[in-house]
Amino acid sequence: MSALTQADKLVRMANQIAAFFRSYPEEEAVAGIDKHIRAFWTPKMIAHLENALPDQGERVDELVVRALTGAEPRAESPVRAATRDPQLLGAGASDAG
């Protein structure tokens, strides 16, 4: 069995994000995926995944492709504003613990 490539790992992670957002209306899901990836992934990771999209074909969830290759999302992300930006994480963090 061959080792997973960096692109394989990024596709798997992006598809997991898409699976989470799949229960939302489609445009909100696309916006949520876009916001999550841009807030928590490094620019290098994003560029690597974007460059790998043509070679990955149907392995990449359609919502991920739309989030990465489309224009600005047409809906608001369902993710709370404080969690879209890691620097604002404290503003939306739980008071537990």
PDB file of N, CA and C in Angstrom:
ATOM      1  N   MET A   1       0.852  -1.183   0.000  1.00  0.00           N
ATOM      2  CA  MET A   1       0.000   0.000   0.000  1.00  0.00           C
ATOM      3  C   MET A   1       0.894   1.241   0.000  1.00  0.00           C
ATOM      4  N   SER A   2       0.580   2.168  -0.869  1.00  0.00           N
ATOM      5  CA  SER A   2       1.420   3.359  -0.964  1.00  0.00           C
ATOM      6  C   SER A   2       1.059   4.366   0.127  1.00  0.00           C
ATOM      7  N   ALA A   3       2.030   5.174   0.461  1.00  0.00           N
ATOM      8  CA  ALA A   3       1.817   6.200   1.477  1.00  0.00           C
ATOM      9  C   ALA A   3       0.938   7.312   0.898  1.00  0.00           C
ATOM     10  N   LEU A   4       0.175   7.928   1.763  1.00  0.00           N
ATOM     11  CA  LEU A   4      -0.656   9.048   1.334  1.00  0.00           C
ATOM     12  C   LEU A   4       0.227  10.242   1.002  1.00  0.00           C
ATOM     13  N   THR A   5      -0.125  10.934  -0.068  1.00  0.00           N
ATOM     14  CA  THR A   5       0.600  12.146  -0.423  1.00  0.00           C
ATOM     15  C   THR A   5       0.036  13.314   0.373  1.00  0.00           C
ATOM     16  N   GLN A   6       0.728  14.420   0.333  1.00  0.00           N
ATOM     17  CA  GLN A   6       0.232  15.631   0.999  1.00  0.00           C
ATOM     18  C   GLN A   6      -1.127  16.020   0.436  1.00  0.00           C
ATOM     19  N   ALA A   7      -1.283  15.919  -0.888  1.00  0.00           N
ATOM     20  CA  ALA A   7      -2.562  16.256  -1.512  1.00  0.00           C
ATOM     21  C   ALA A   7      -3.667  15.334  -1.010  1.00  0.00           C
ATOM     22  N   ASP A   8      -3.371  14.036  -0.871  1.00  0.00           N
ATOM     23  CA  ASP A   8      -4.368  13.089  -0.355  1.00  0.00           C
ATOM     24  C   ASP A   8      -4.827  13.494   1.042  1.00  0.00           C
ATOM     25  N   LYS A   9      -3.883  13.881   1.874  1.00  0.00           N
ATOM     26  CA  LYS A   9      -4.211  14.270   3.249  1.00  0.00           C
ATOM     27  C   LYS A   9      -5.067  15.536   3.268  1.00  0.00           C
ATOM     28  N   LEU A  10      -4.717  16.504   2.428  1.00  0.00           N
ATOM     29  CA  LEU A  10      -5.482  17.754   2.387  1.00  0.00           C
ATOM     30  C   LEU A  10      -6.886  17.518   1.856  1.00  0.00           C
ATOM     31  N   VAL A  11      -7.016  16.654   0.852  1.00  0.00           N
ATOM     32  CA  VAL A  11      -8.334  16.316   0.317  1.00  0.00           C
ATOM     33  C   VAL A  11      -9.171  15.650   1.402  1.00  0.00           C
ATOM     34  N   ARG A  12      -8.582  14.724   2.136  1.00  0.00           N
ATOM     35  CA  ARG A  12      -9.311  14.045   3.207  1.00  0.00           C
ATOM     36  C   ARG A  12      -9.787  15.055   4.249  1.00  0.00           C
ATOM     37  N   MET A  13      -8.905  15.973   4.641  1.00  0.00           N
ATOM     38  CA  MET A  13      -9.280  16.989   5.640  1.00  0.00           C
ATOM     39  C   MET A  13     -10.389  17.903   5.103  1.00  0.00           C
ATOM     40  N   ALA A  14     -10.247  18.354   3.860  1.00  0.00           N
ATOM     41  CA  ALA A  14     -11.257  19.242   3.268  1.00  0.00           C
ATOM     42  C   ALA A  14     -12.598  18.526   3.150  1.00  0.00           C
ATOM     43  N   ASN A  15     -12.567  17.245   2.778  1.00  0.00           N
ATOM     44  CA  ASN A  15     -13.810  16.482   2.674  1.00  0.00           C
ATOM     45  C   ASN A  15     -14.468  16.292   4.038  1.00  0.00           C
ATOM     46  N   GLN A  16     -13.666  16.182   5.086  1.00  0.00           N
ATOM     47  CA  GLN A  16     -14.225  16.084   6.438  1.00  0.00           C
ATOM     48  C   GLN A  16     -14.932  17.388   6.813  1.00  0.00           C
ATOM     49  N   ILE A  17     -14.351  18.505   6.432  1.00  0.00           N
ATOM     50  CA  ILE A  17     -14.980  19.803   6.684  1.00  0.00           C
ATOM     51  C   ILE A  17     -16.301  19.882   5.917  1.00  0.00           C
ATOM     52  N   ALA A  18     -16.284  19.437   4.660  1.00  0.00           N
ATOM     53  CA  ALA A  18     -17.504  19.448   3.848  1.00  0.00           C
ATOM     54  C   ALA A  18     -18.579  18.555   4.460  1.00  0.00           C
ATOM     55  N   ALA A  19     -18.177  17.412   4.988  1.00  0.00           N
ATOM     56  CA  ALA A  19     -19.146  16.500   5.614  1.00  0.00           C
ATOM     57  C   ALA A  19     -19.835  17.185   6.792  1.00  0.00           C
ATOM     58  N   PHE A  20     -19.080  17.956   7.559  1.00  0.00           N
ATOM     59  CA  PHE A  20     -19.669  18.688   8.683  1.00  0.00           C
ATOM     60  C   PHE A  20     -20.717  19.689   8.200  1.00  0.00           C
ATOM     61  N   PHE A  21     -20.389  20.425   7.142  1.00  0.00           N
ATOM     62  CA  PHE A  21     -21.271  21.491   6.673  1.00  0.00           C
ATOM     63  C   PHE A  21     -22.392  20.996   5.763  1.00  0.00           C
ATOM     64  N   ARG A  22     -22.381  19.741   5.373  1.00  0.00           N
ATOM     65  CA  ARG A  22     -23.366  19.216   4.426  1.00  0.00           C
ATOM     66  C   ARG A  22     -24.808  19.366   4.923  1.00  0.00           C
ATOM     67  N   SER A  23     -25.048  19.415   6.216  1.00  0.00           N
ATOM     68  CA  SER A  23     -26.418  19.526   6.736  1.00  0.00           C
ATOM     69  C   SER A  23     -26.991  20.936   6.601  1.00  0.00           C
ATOM     70  N   TYR A  24     -26.161  21.912   6.247  1.00  0.00           N
ATOM     71  CA  TYR A  24     -26.620  23.287   6.070  1.00  0.00           C
ATOM     72  C   TYR A  24     -27.115  23.490   4.637  1.00  0.00           C
ATOM     73  N   PRO A  25     -27.908  24.542   4.403  1.00  0.00           N
ATOM     74  CA  PRO A  25     -28.262  24.869   3.019  1.00  0.00           C
ATOM     75  C   PRO A  25     -26.977  25.027   2.193  1.00  0.00           C
ATOM     76  N   GLU A  26     -27.055  24.668   0.921  1.00  0.00           N
ATOM     77  CA  GLU A  26     -25.851  24.568   0.084  1.00  0.00           C
ATOM     78  C   GLU A  26     -24.980  25.821   0.100  1.00  0.00           C
ATOM     79  N   GLU A  27     -25.564  26.980  -0.077  1.00  0.00           N
ATOM     80  CA  GLU A  27     -24.749  28.208  -0.121  1.00  0.00           C
ATOM     81  C   GLU A  27     -24.103  28.497   1.224  1.00  0.00           C
ATOM     82  N   GLU A  28     -24.793  28.202   2.317  1.00  0.00           N
ATOM     83  CA  GLU A  28     -24.200  28.375   3.647  1.00  0.00           C
ATOM     84  C   GLU A  28     -23.070  27.366   3.852  1.00  0.00           C
ATOM     85  N   ALA A  29     -23.248  26.162   3.344  1.00  0.00           N
ATOM     86  CA  ALA A  29     -22.204  25.137   3.459  1.00  0.00           C
ATOM     87  C   ALA A  29     -20.944  25.575   2.722  1.00  0.00           C
ATOM     88  N   VAL A  30     -21.110  26.079   1.505  1.00  0.00           N
ATOM     89  CA  VAL A  30     -19.953  26.552   0.731  1.00  0.00           C
ATOM     90  C   VAL A  30     -19.256  27.686   1.480  1.00  0.00           C
ATOM     91  N   ALA A  31     -20.036  28.619   2.001  1.00  0.00           N
ATOM     92  CA  ALA A  31     -19.455  29.734   2.762  1.00  0.00           C
ATOM     93  C   ALA A  31     -18.748  29.227   4.012  1.00  0.00           C
ATOM     94  N   GLY A  32     -19.341  28.269   4.698  1.00  0.00           N
ATOM     95  CA  GLY A  32     -18.726  27.719   5.909  1.00  0.00           C
ATOM     96  C   GLY A  32     -17.404  27.028   5.620  1.00  0.00           C
ATOM     97  N   ILE A  33     -17.362  26.262   4.543  1.00  0.00           N
ATOM     98  CA  ILE A  33     -16.125  25.578   4.148  1.00  0.00           C
ATOM     99  C   ILE A  33     -15.056  26.607   3.806  1.00  0.00           C
ATOM    100  N   ASP A  34     -15.428  27.601   3.010  1.00  0.00           N
ATOM    101  CA  ASP A  34     -14.491  28.666   2.628  1.00  0.00           C
ATOM    102  C   ASP A  34     -13.934  29.371   3.857  1.00  0.00           C
ATOM    103  N   LYS A  35     -14.816  29.779   4.760  1.00  0.00           N
ATOM    104  CA  LYS A  35     -14.367  30.502   5.958  1.00  0.00           C
ATOM    105  C   LYS A  35     -13.486  29.634   6.846  1.00  0.00           C
ATOM    106  N   HIS A  36     -13.880  28.367   7.017  1.00  0.00           N
ATOM    107  CA  HIS A  36     -13.095  27.478   7.878  1.00  0.00           C
ATOM    108  C   HIS A  36     -11.692  27.269   7.312  1.00  0.00           C
ATOM    109  N   ILE A  37     -11.617  26.939   6.043  1.00  0.00           N
ATOM    110  CA  ILE A  37     -10.302  26.677   5.443  1.00  0.00           C
ATOM    111  C   ILE A  37      -9.438  27.929   5.492  1.00  0.00           C
ATOM    112  N   ARG A  38      -9.989  29.071   5.152  1.00  0.00           N
ATOM    113  CA  ARG A  38      -9.185  30.301   5.124  1.00  0.00           C
ATOM    114  C   ARG A  38      -8.794  30.782   6.517  1.00  0.00           C
ATOM    115  N   ALA A  39      -9.588  30.426   7.530  1.00  0.00           N
ATOM    116  CA  ALA A  39      -9.267  30.842   8.896  1.00  0.00           C
ATOM    117  C   ALA A  39      -8.247  29.928   9.570  1.00  0.00           C
ATOM    118  N   PHE A  40      -8.293  28.633   9.261  1.00  0.00           N
ATOM    119  CA  PHE A  40      -7.495  27.684  10.032  1.00  0.00           C
ATOM    120  C   PHE A  40      -6.387  26.988   9.256  1.00  0.00           C
ATOM    121  N   TRP A  41      -6.361  27.110   7.951  1.00  0.00           N
ATOM    122  CA  TRP A  41      -5.298  26.507   7.155  1.00  0.00           C
ATOM    123  C   TRP A  41      -4.275  27.569   6.791  1.00  0.00           C
ATOM    124  N   THR A  42      -3.042  27.144   6.611  1.00  0.00           N
ATOM    125  CA  THR A  42      -2.005  28.078   6.176  1.00  0.00           C
ATOM    126  C   THR A  42      -2.184  28.375   4.692  1.00  0.00           C
ATOM    127  N   PRO A  43      -1.700  29.520   4.238  1.00  0.00           N
ATOM    128  CA  PRO A  43      -1.772  29.814   2.801  1.00  0.00           C
ATOM    129  C   PRO A  43      -1.100  28.717   1.955  1.00  0.00           C
ATOM    130  N   LYS A  44      -0.048  28.124   2.472  1.00  0.00           N
ATOM    131  CA  LYS A  44       0.647  27.059   1.741  1.00  0.00           C
ATOM    132  C   LYS A  44      -0.248  25.825   1.584  1.00  0.00           C
ATOM    133  N   MET A  45      -0.977  25.466   2.628  1.00  0.00           N
ATOM    134  CA  MET A  45      -1.897  24.325   2.559  1.00  0.00           C
ATOM    135  C   MET A  45      -3.006  24.594   1.533  1.00  0.00           C
ATOM    136  N   ILE A  46      -3.549  25.799   1.571  1.00  0.00           N
ATOM    137  CA  ILE A  46      -4.629  26.158   0.645  1.00  0.00           C
ATOM    138  C   ILE A  46      -4.126  26.097  -0.786  1.00  0.00           C
ATOM    139  N   ALA A  47      -2.966  26.686  -1.032  1.00  0.00           N
ATOM    140  CA  ALA A  47      -2.406  26.684  -2.384  1.00  0.00           C
ATOM    141  C   ALA A  47      -2.129  25.262  -2.866  1.00  0.00           C
ATOM    142  N   HIS A  48      -1.614  24.419  -1.973  1.00  0.00           N
ATOM    143  CA  HIS A  48      -1.326  23.030  -2.344  1.00  0.00           C
ATOM    144  C   HIS A  48      -2.617  22.313  -2.738  1.00  0.00           C
ATOM    145  N   LEU A  49      -3.680  22.502  -1.963  1.00  0.00           N
ATOM    146  CA  LEU A  49      -4.948  21.858  -2.292  1.00  0.00           C
ATOM    147  C   LEU A  49      -5.521  22.422  -3.586  1.00  0.00           C
ATOM    148  N   GLU A  50      -5.502  23.728  -3.753  1.00  0.00           N
ATOM    149  CA  GLU A  50      -6.020  24.340  -4.984  1.00  0.00           C
ATOM    150  C   GLU A  50      -5.278  23.816  -6.207  1.00  0.00           C
ATOM    151  N   ASN A  51      -3.960  23.686  -6.097  1.00  0.00           N
ATOM    152  CA  ASN A  51      -3.161  23.175  -7.216  1.00  0.00           C
ATOM    153  C   ASN A  51      -3.438  21.703  -7.495  1.00  0.00           C
ATOM    154  N   ALA A  52      -3.823  20.962  -6.460  1.00  0.00           N
ATOM    155  CA  ALA A  52      -4.075  19.526  -6.606  1.00  0.00           C
ATOM    156  C   ALA A  52      -5.476  19.207  -7.123  1.00  0.00           C
ATOM    157  N   LEU A  53      -6.392  20.171  -7.081  1.00  0.00           N
ATOM    158  CA  LEU A  53      -7.781  19.900  -7.449  1.00  0.00           C
ATOM    159  C   LEU A  53      -7.936  19.222  -8.817  1.00  0.00           C
ATOM    160  N   PRO A  54      -7.273  19.702  -9.866  1.00  0.00           N
ATOM    161  CA  PRO A  54      -7.467  19.057 -11.172  1.00  0.00           C
ATOM    162  C   PRO A  54      -7.081  17.569 -11.182  1.00  0.00           C
ATOM    163  N   ASP A  55      -6.067  17.207 -10.441  1.00  0.00           N
ATOM    164  CA  ASP A  55      -5.610  15.815 -10.418  1.00  0.00           C
ATOM    165  C   ASP A  55      -6.434  14.934  -9.488  1.00  0.00           C
ATOM    166  N   GLN A  56      -7.169  15.528  -8.560  1.00  0.00           N
ATOM    167  CA  GLN A  56      -7.919  14.759  -7.579  1.00  0.00           C
ATOM    168  C   GLN A  56      -9.297  14.334  -8.082  1.00  0.00           C
ATOM    169  N   GLY A  57      -9.807  15.036  -9.080  1.00  0.00           N
ATOM    170  CA  GLY A  57     -11.081  14.657  -9.692  1.00  0.00           C
ATOM    171  C   GLY A  57     -12.216  14.542  -8.701  1.00  0.00           C
ATOM    172  N   GLU A  58     -12.960  13.446  -8.808  1.00  0.00           N
ATOM    173  CA  GLU A  58     -14.158  13.254  -7.999  1.00  0.00           C
ATOM    174  C   GLU A  58     -13.852  12.892  -6.552  1.00  0.00           C
ATOM    175  N   ARG A  59     -12.599  12.751  -6.219  1.00  0.00           N
ATOM    176  CA  ARG A  59     -12.233  12.477  -4.820  1.00  0.00           C
ATOM    177  C   ARG A  59     -12.527  13.675  -3.928  1.00  0.00           C
ATOM    178  N   VAL A  60     -12.592  14.861  -4.521  1.00  0.00           N
ATOM    179  CA  VAL A  60     -12.829  16.081  -3.748  1.00  0.00           C
ATOM    180  C   VAL A  60     -14.333  16.375  -3.750  1.00  0.00           C
ATOM    181  N   ASP A  61     -14.883  16.591  -2.575  1.00  0.00           N
ATOM    182  CA  ASP A  61     -16.299  16.913  -2.446  1.00  0.00           C
ATOM    183  C   ASP A  61     -16.617  18.159  -3.281  1.00  0.00           C
ATOM    184  N   GLU A  62     -17.747  18.121  -3.964  1.00  0.00           N
ATOM    185  CA  GLU A  62     -18.168  19.226  -4.817  1.00  0.00           C
ATOM    186  C   GLU A  62     -18.263  20.548  -4.055  1.00  0.00           C
ATOM    187  N   LEU A  63     -18.661  20.498  -2.792  1.00  0.00           N
ATOM    188  CA  LEU A  63     -18.753  21.726  -1.991  1.00  0.00           C
ATOM    189  C   LEU A  63     -17.377  22.326  -1.741  1.00  0.00           C
ATOM    190  N   VAL A  64     -16.372  21.485  -1.579  1.00  0.00           N
ATOM    191  CA  VAL A  64     -14.996  21.973  -1.406  1.00  0.00           C
ATOM    192  C   VAL A  64     -14.538  22.661  -2.679  1.00  0.00           C
ATOM    193  N   VAL A  65     -14.794  22.033  -3.807  1.00  0.00           N
ATOM    194  CA  VAL A  65     -14.400  22.622  -5.092  1.00  0.00           C
ATOM    195  C   VAL A  65     -15.061  23.980  -5.256  1.00  0.00           C
ATOM    196  N   ARG A  66     -16.342  24.074  -4.966  1.00  0.00           N
ATOM    197  CA  ARG A  66     -17.039  25.356  -5.080  1.00  0.00           C
ATOM    198  C   ARG A  66     -16.453  26.394  -4.128  1.00  0.00           C
ATOM    199  N   ALA A  67     -16.130  25.975  -2.915  1.00  0.00           N
ATOM    200  CA  ALA A  67     -15.591  26.915  -1.929  1.00  0.00           C
ATOM    201  C   ALA A  67     -14.234  27.453  -2.356  1.00  0.00           C
ATOM    202  N   LEU A  68     -13.430  26.620  -2.996  1.00  0.00           N
ATOM    203  CA  LEU A  68     -12.075  27.033  -3.354  1.00  0.00           C
ATOM    204  C   LEU A  68     -11.959  27.679  -4.721  1.00  0.00           C
ATOM    205  N   THR A  69     -12.880  27.380  -5.611  1.00  0.00           N
ATOM    206  CA  THR A  69     -12.735  27.888  -6.980  1.00  0.00           C
ATOM    207  C   THR A  69     -13.781  28.914  -7.356  1.00  0.00           C
ATOM    208  N   GLY A  70     -14.778  29.097  -6.515  1.00  0.00           N
ATOM    209  CA  GLY A  70     -15.845  30.035  -6.830  1.00  0.00           C
ATOM    210  C   GLY A  70     -15.495  31.451  -6.428  1.00  0.00           C
ATOM    211  N   ALA A  71     -16.419  32.312  -6.731  1.00  0.00           N
ATOM    212  CA  ALA A  71     -16.282  33.711  -6.317  1.00  0.00           C
ATOM    213  C   ALA A  71     -16.554  33.793  -4.819  1.00  0.00           C
ATOM    214  N   GLU A  72     -16.598  34.977  -4.315  1.00  0.00           N
ATOM    215  CA  GLU A  72     -16.934  35.200  -2.902  1.00  0.00           C
ATOM    216  C   GLU A  72     -18.237  34.472  -2.586  1.00  0.00           C
ATOM    217  N   PRO A  73     -18.291  33.762  -1.468  1.00  0.00           N
ATOM    218  CA  PRO A  73     -19.524  33.018  -1.133  1.00  0.00           C
ATOM    219  C   PRO A  73     -20.741  33.928  -1.146  1.00  0.00           C
ATOM    220  N   ARG A  74     -21.876  33.366  -1.618  1.00  0.00           N
ATOM    221  CA  ARG A  74     -23.113  34.135  -1.757  1.00  0.00           C
ATOM    222  C   ARG A  74     -23.974  34.107  -0.510  1.00  0.00           C
ATOM    223  N   ALA A  75     -23.517  33.454   0.532  1.00  0.00           N
ATOM    224  CA  ALA A  75     -24.281  33.383   1.773  1.00  0.00           C
ATOM    225  C   ALA A  75     -23.326  33.605   2.938  1.00  0.00           C
ATOM    226  N   GLU A  76     -23.899  33.844   4.089  1.00  0.00           N
ATOM    227  CA  GLU A  76     -23.104  33.951   5.312  1.00  0.00           C
ATOM    228  C   GLU A  76     -22.751  32.562   5.795  1.00  0.00           C
ATOM    229  N   SER A  77     -21.579  32.433   6.350  1.00  0.00           N
ATOM    230  CA  SER A  77     -21.178  31.175   6.961  1.00  0.00           C
ATOM    231  C   SER A  77     -22.018  30.940   8.213  1.00  0.00           C
ATOM    232  N   PRO A  78     -22.430  29.690   8.454  1.00  0.00           N
ATOM    233  CA  PRO A  78     -23.165  29.406   9.677  1.00  0.00           C
ATOM    234  C   PRO A  78     -22.284  29.390  10.923  1.00  0.00           C
ATOM    235  N   VAL A  79     -20.984  29.520  10.742  1.00  0.00           N
ATOM    236  CA  VAL A  79     -20.044  29.509  11.855  1.00  0.00           C
ATOM    237  C   VAL A  79     -20.058  30.870  12.531  1.00  0.00           C
ATOM    238  N   ARG A  80     -20.107  30.873  13.860  1.00  0.00           N
ATOM    239  CA  ARG A  80     -20.105  32.139  14.598  1.00  0.00           C
ATOM    240  C   ARG A  80     -18.894  32.974  14.227  1.00  0.00           C
ATOM    241  N   ALA A  81     -19.080  34.262  14.190  1.00  0.00           N
ATOM    242  CA  ALA A  81     -18.022  35.184  13.771  1.00  0.00           C
ATOM    243  C   ALA A  81     -16.749  35.022  14.589  1.00  0.00           C
ATOM    244  N   ALA A  82     -16.843  34.797  15.863  1.00  0.00           N
ATOM    245  CA  ALA A  82     -15.658  34.706  16.713  1.00  0.00           C
ATOM    246  C   ALA A  82     -14.811  33.487  16.386  1.00  0.00           C
ATOM    247  N   THR A  83     -15.390  32.471  15.770  1.00  0.00           N
ATOM    248  CA  THR A  83     -14.603  31.275  15.464  1.00  0.00           C
ATOM    249  C   THR A  83     -14.073  31.276  14.043  1.00  0.00           C
ATOM    250  N   ARG A  84     -14.373  32.299  13.270  1.00  0.00           N
ATOM    251  CA  ARG A  84     -13.861  32.380  11.902  1.00  0.00           C
ATOM    252  C   ARG A  84     -12.418  32.847  11.864  1.00  0.00           C
ATOM    253  N   ASP A  85     -11.987  33.519  12.882  1.00  0.00           N
ATOM    254  CA  ASP A  85     -10.653  34.088  12.919  1.00  0.00           C
ATOM    255  C   ASP A  85      -9.973  33.607  14.194  1.00  0.00           C
ATOM    256  N   PRO A  86      -8.894  32.842  14.077  1.00  0.00           N
ATOM    257  CA  PRO A  86      -8.251  32.306  15.284  1.00  0.00           C
ATOM    258  C   PRO A  86      -7.865  33.373  16.295  1.00  0.00           C
ATOM    259  N   GLN A  87      -7.580  34.589  15.831  1.00  0.00           N
ATOM    260  CA  GLN A  87      -7.202  35.651  16.760  1.00  0.00           C
ATOM    261  C   GLN A  87      -8.388  36.088  17.635  1.00  0.00           C
ATOM    262  N   LEU A  88      -9.606  35.787  17.182  1.00  0.00           N
ATOM    263  CA  LEU A  88     -10.798  36.165  17.924  1.00  0.00           C
ATOM    264  C   LEU A  88     -11.358  34.999  18.723  1.00  0.00           C
ATOM    265  N   LEU A  89     -10.656  33.905  18.766  1.00  0.00           N
ATOM    266  CA  LEU A  89     -11.159  32.688  19.389  1.00  0.00           C
ATOM    267  C   LEU A  89     -11.610  32.943  20.822  1.00  0.00           C
ATOM    268  N   GLY A  90     -10.895  33.739  21.572  1.00  0.00           N
ATOM    269  CA  GLY A  90     -11.271  34.018  22.953  1.00  0.00           C
ATOM    270  C   GLY A  90     -12.627  34.684  23.060  1.00  0.00           C
ATOM    271  N   ALA A  91     -13.009  35.454  22.065  1.00  0.00           N
ATOM    272  CA  ALA A  91     -14.284  36.147  22.101  1.00  0.00           C
ATOM    273  C   ALA A  91     -15.463  35.178  22.005  1.00  0.00           C
ATOM    274  N   GLY A  92     -15.256  33.997  21.430  1.00  0.00           N
ATOM    275  CA  GLY A  92     -16.343  33.048  21.292  1.00  0.00           C
ATOM    276  C   GLY A  92     -16.083  31.753  22.018  1.00  0.00           C
ATOM    277  N   ALA A  93     -15.057  31.735  22.817  1.00  0.00           N
ATOM    278  CA  ALA A  93     -14.676  30.494  23.492  1.00  0.00           C
ATOM    279  C   ALA A  93     -15.661  30.131  24.597  1.00  0.00           C
ATOM    280  N   SER A  94     -15.674  28.875  24.908  1.00  0.00           N
ATOM    281  CA  SER A  94     -16.550  28.377  25.962  1.00  0.00           C
ATOM    282  C   SER A  94     -16.050  28.849  27.323  1.00  0.00           C
ATOM    283  N   ASP A  95     -16.989  28.984  28.257  1.00  0.00           N
ATOM    284  CA  ASP A  95     -16.569  29.342  29.618  1.00  0.00           C
ATOM    285  C   ASP A  95     -16.339  28.087  30.457  1.00  0.00           C
ATOM    286  N   ALA A  96     -16.447  26.927  29.830  1.00  0.00           N
ATOM    287  CA  ALA A  96     -16.211  25.671  30.549  1.00  0.00           C
ATOM    288  C   ALA A  96     -14.710  25.511  30.819  1.00  0.00           C
ATOM    289  N   GLY A  97     -14.406  24.947  31.944  1.00  0.00           N
ATOM    290  CA  GLY A  97     -13.020  24.604  32.237  1.00  0.00           C
ATOM    291  C   GLY A  97     -12.291  25.722  32.790  1.00  0.00           C
TER     292      GLY A  97
END
